[in-house]
Amino acid sequence: MLWRLKSPEVQPGVVSSAGLSCAEYQQPGKASCVSVNWTMGDTQLEVVNTATGRRRDSGTASRLCKHALFTRWNRLYRKVRVTKPDRQLMYCEAKMAARPYQTAKQQWFRSLQETGLGTWVKKPPEQDQFLLSV
């Protein structure tokens, strides 16, 4: 098995190791104000304020923000690329050039429509127009 879903045990009235009570995790009929993520090798959960996208403990950007993920992708891309790119790509250009990603995204959008779940809400394109500082 390549991955396993690990669910933190949260019981009513109990505070998790991330400092979240059950009420913060699940409020019936209301979207959560926090997002919790963890990956293998991390020593603790990352708790993110969903309104700001920033970590609750430090106020810094999440490790899952576009900039952090693009930084990691760019580092990997530079290692495997045979020829040096002629210029630095913006985040939106890199995503558009990723054919498997675009194919999967279009299939996802289509499946939402076909199953009657609606259309994917797109964020303003300006949010994807940034370069990495080198």
Protein backbone atom coordinates (compact mmCIF):
# COMPACT_ATOMS: atom_id res chain seq x y z
CA MET A 1 0.00 0.00 0.00
CA LEU A 2 1.42 3.38 -0.97
CA TRP A 3 -0.72 5.47 1.36
CA ARG A 4 -3.09 5.12 4.24
CA LEU A 5 -5.75 7.50 5.50
CA LYS A 6 -5.12 8.26 9.15
CA SER A 7 -7.99 9.87 11.00
CA PRO A 8 -7.27 11.57 14.30
CA GLU A 9 -9.47 10.27 17.09
CA VAL A 10 -11.78 13.10 18.15
CA GLN A 11 -14.51 12.55 20.70
CA PRO A 12 -17.11 15.04 21.99
CA GLY A 13 -15.67 17.22 24.72
CA VAL A 14 -12.12 16.01 24.07
CA VAL A 15 -9.38 18.30 22.87
CA SER A 16 -7.10 16.81 20.20
CA SER A 17 -3.31 16.98 20.20
CA ALA A 18 -3.65 19.89 17.78
CA GLY A 19 -5.62 21.84 20.37
CA LEU A 20 -8.97 21.53 18.59
CA SER A 21 -12.18 20.54 20.28
CA CYS A 22 -14.73 18.33 18.56
CA ALA A 23 -16.99 21.38 18.13
CA GLU A 24 -14.35 23.02 15.97
CA TYR A 25 -14.10 19.93 13.75
CA GLN A 26 -17.79 19.39 13.14
CA GLN A 27 -20.53 21.98 13.31
CA PRO A 28 -23.69 20.58 11.70
CA GLY A 29 -24.76 22.62 8.67
CA LYS A 30 -21.76 24.91 8.89
CA ALA A 31 -18.41 24.79 7.13
CA SER A 32 -15.46 24.25 9.41
CA CYS A 33 -13.29 27.24 10.28
CA VAL A 34 -10.19 25.07 10.29
CA SER A 35 -8.45 22.66 8.00
CA VAL A 36 -6.16 19.99 9.42
CA ASN A 37 -3.48 18.22 7.40
CA TRP A 38 -0.70 15.81 8.13
CA THR A 39 1.74 13.85 6.01
CA MET A 40 4.10 11.02 6.82
CA GLY A 41 7.22 12.36 8.44
CA ASP A 42 5.50 15.36 10.01
CA THR A 43 5.82 15.54 13.76
CA GLN A 44 2.47 17.25 14.24
CA LEU A 45 -0.75 18.23 12.53
CA GLU A 46 -0.90 21.52 10.67
CA VAL A 47 -4.05 23.42 11.65
CA VAL A 48 -5.00 26.13 9.16
CA ASN A 49 -7.55 28.92 9.49
CA THR A 50 -9.72 28.39 6.39
CA ALA A 51 -10.57 32.10 6.13
CA THR A 52 -6.94 33.20 5.88
CA GLY A 53 -5.05 30.09 4.74
CA ARG A 54 -2.55 30.66 7.52
CA ARG A 55 -1.42 28.34 10.29
CA ARG A 56 -3.20 28.88 13.59
CA ASP A 57 -0.05 28.40 15.68
CA SER A 58 2.35 30.72 13.86
CA GLY A 59 0.34 32.80 11.39
CA THR A 60 2.60 31.66 8.55
CA ALA A 61 1.33 30.31 5.24
CA SER A 62 0.29 26.65 5.11
CA ARG A 63 2.67 24.05 3.72
CA LEU A 64 -0.17 23.30 1.28
CA CYS A 65 -0.47 26.84 -0.12
CA LYS A 66 0.06 27.36 -3.85
CA HIS A 67 3.41 29.07 -3.32
CA ALA A 68 4.82 26.26 -1.16
CA LEU A 69 3.63 23.53 -3.54
CA PHE A 70 4.94 25.45 -6.58
CA THR A 71 8.30 25.90 -4.85
CA ARG A 72 8.57 22.13 -4.33
CA TRP A 73 7.45 21.41 -7.90
CA ASN A 74 9.97 23.91 -9.31
CA ARG A 75 12.80 22.35 -7.28
CA LEU A 76 11.93 18.89 -8.62
CA TYR A 77 11.45 20.21 -12.17
CA ARG A 78 14.92 21.77 -12.16
CA LYS A 79 16.46 18.44 -11.06
CA VAL A 80 14.83 16.31 -13.77
CA ARG A 81 14.86 18.82 -16.63
CA VAL A 82 17.51 17.99 -19.25
CA THR A 83 17.72 21.50 -20.67
CA LYS A 84 17.54 24.68 -18.66
CA PRO A 85 14.24 26.55 -19.15
CA ASP A 86 14.60 29.73 -21.22
CA ARG A 87 12.65 31.71 -18.64
CA GLN A 88 10.96 31.29 -15.29
CA LEU A 89 7.35 30.08 -15.51
CA MET A 90 4.48 31.65 -13.65
CA TYR A 91 2.38 29.29 -11.55
CA CYS A 92 -0.53 29.45 -14.01
CA GLU A 93 1.77 28.66 -16.96
CA ALA A 94 3.22 25.63 -15.20
CA LYS A 95 -0.28 24.31 -14.44
CA MET A 96 -1.44 24.85 -18.03
CA ALA A 97 1.64 23.01 -19.35
CA ALA A 98 0.95 19.98 -17.14
CA ARG A 99 -1.14 17.89 -19.55
CA PRO A 100 -1.99 15.00 -17.16
CA TYR A 101 -3.15 17.54 -14.57
CA GLN A 102 -5.29 19.39 -17.12
CA THR A 103 -6.84 16.13 -18.37
CA ALA A 104 -7.68 15.02 -14.83
CA LYS A 105 -9.10 18.45 -14.01
CA GLN A 106 -11.36 18.41 -17.07
CA GLN A 107 -12.57 14.89 -16.21
CA TRP A 108 -13.33 16.08 -12.68
CA PHE A 109 -15.30 19.10 -13.94
CA ARG A 110 -17.22 16.87 -16.37
CA SER A 111 -18.05 14.32 -13.67
CA LEU A 112 -19.40 17.07 -11.42
CA GLN A 113 -21.74 18.18 -14.23
CA GLU A 114 -22.80 14.65 -15.20
CA THR A 115 -23.68 13.67 -11.65
CA GLY A 116 -25.66 16.85 -11.04
CA LEU A 117 -23.28 18.24 -8.45
CA GLY A 118 -22.90 21.58 -10.22
CA THR A 119 -19.91 23.41 -11.57
CA TRP A 120 -16.52 23.97 -9.99
CA VAL A 121 -16.20 27.51 -8.62
CA LYS A 122 -13.04 29.08 -10.03
CA LYS A 123 -10.99 31.60 -8.16
CA PRO A 124 -9.87 34.83 -9.83
CA PRO A 125 -7.05 34.11 -12.33
CA GLU A 126 -4.87 36.78 -10.69
CA GLN A 127 -4.29 34.39 -7.77
CA ASP A 128 -2.33 32.08 -10.08
CA GLN A 129 -0.19 34.76 -11.71
CA PHE A 130 2.96 34.76 -9.62
CA LEU A 131 6.63 33.90 -10.02
CA LEU A 132 8.92 32.37 -7.46
CA SER A 133 11.67 34.59 -6.13
CA VAL A 134 14.98 32.85 -6.79
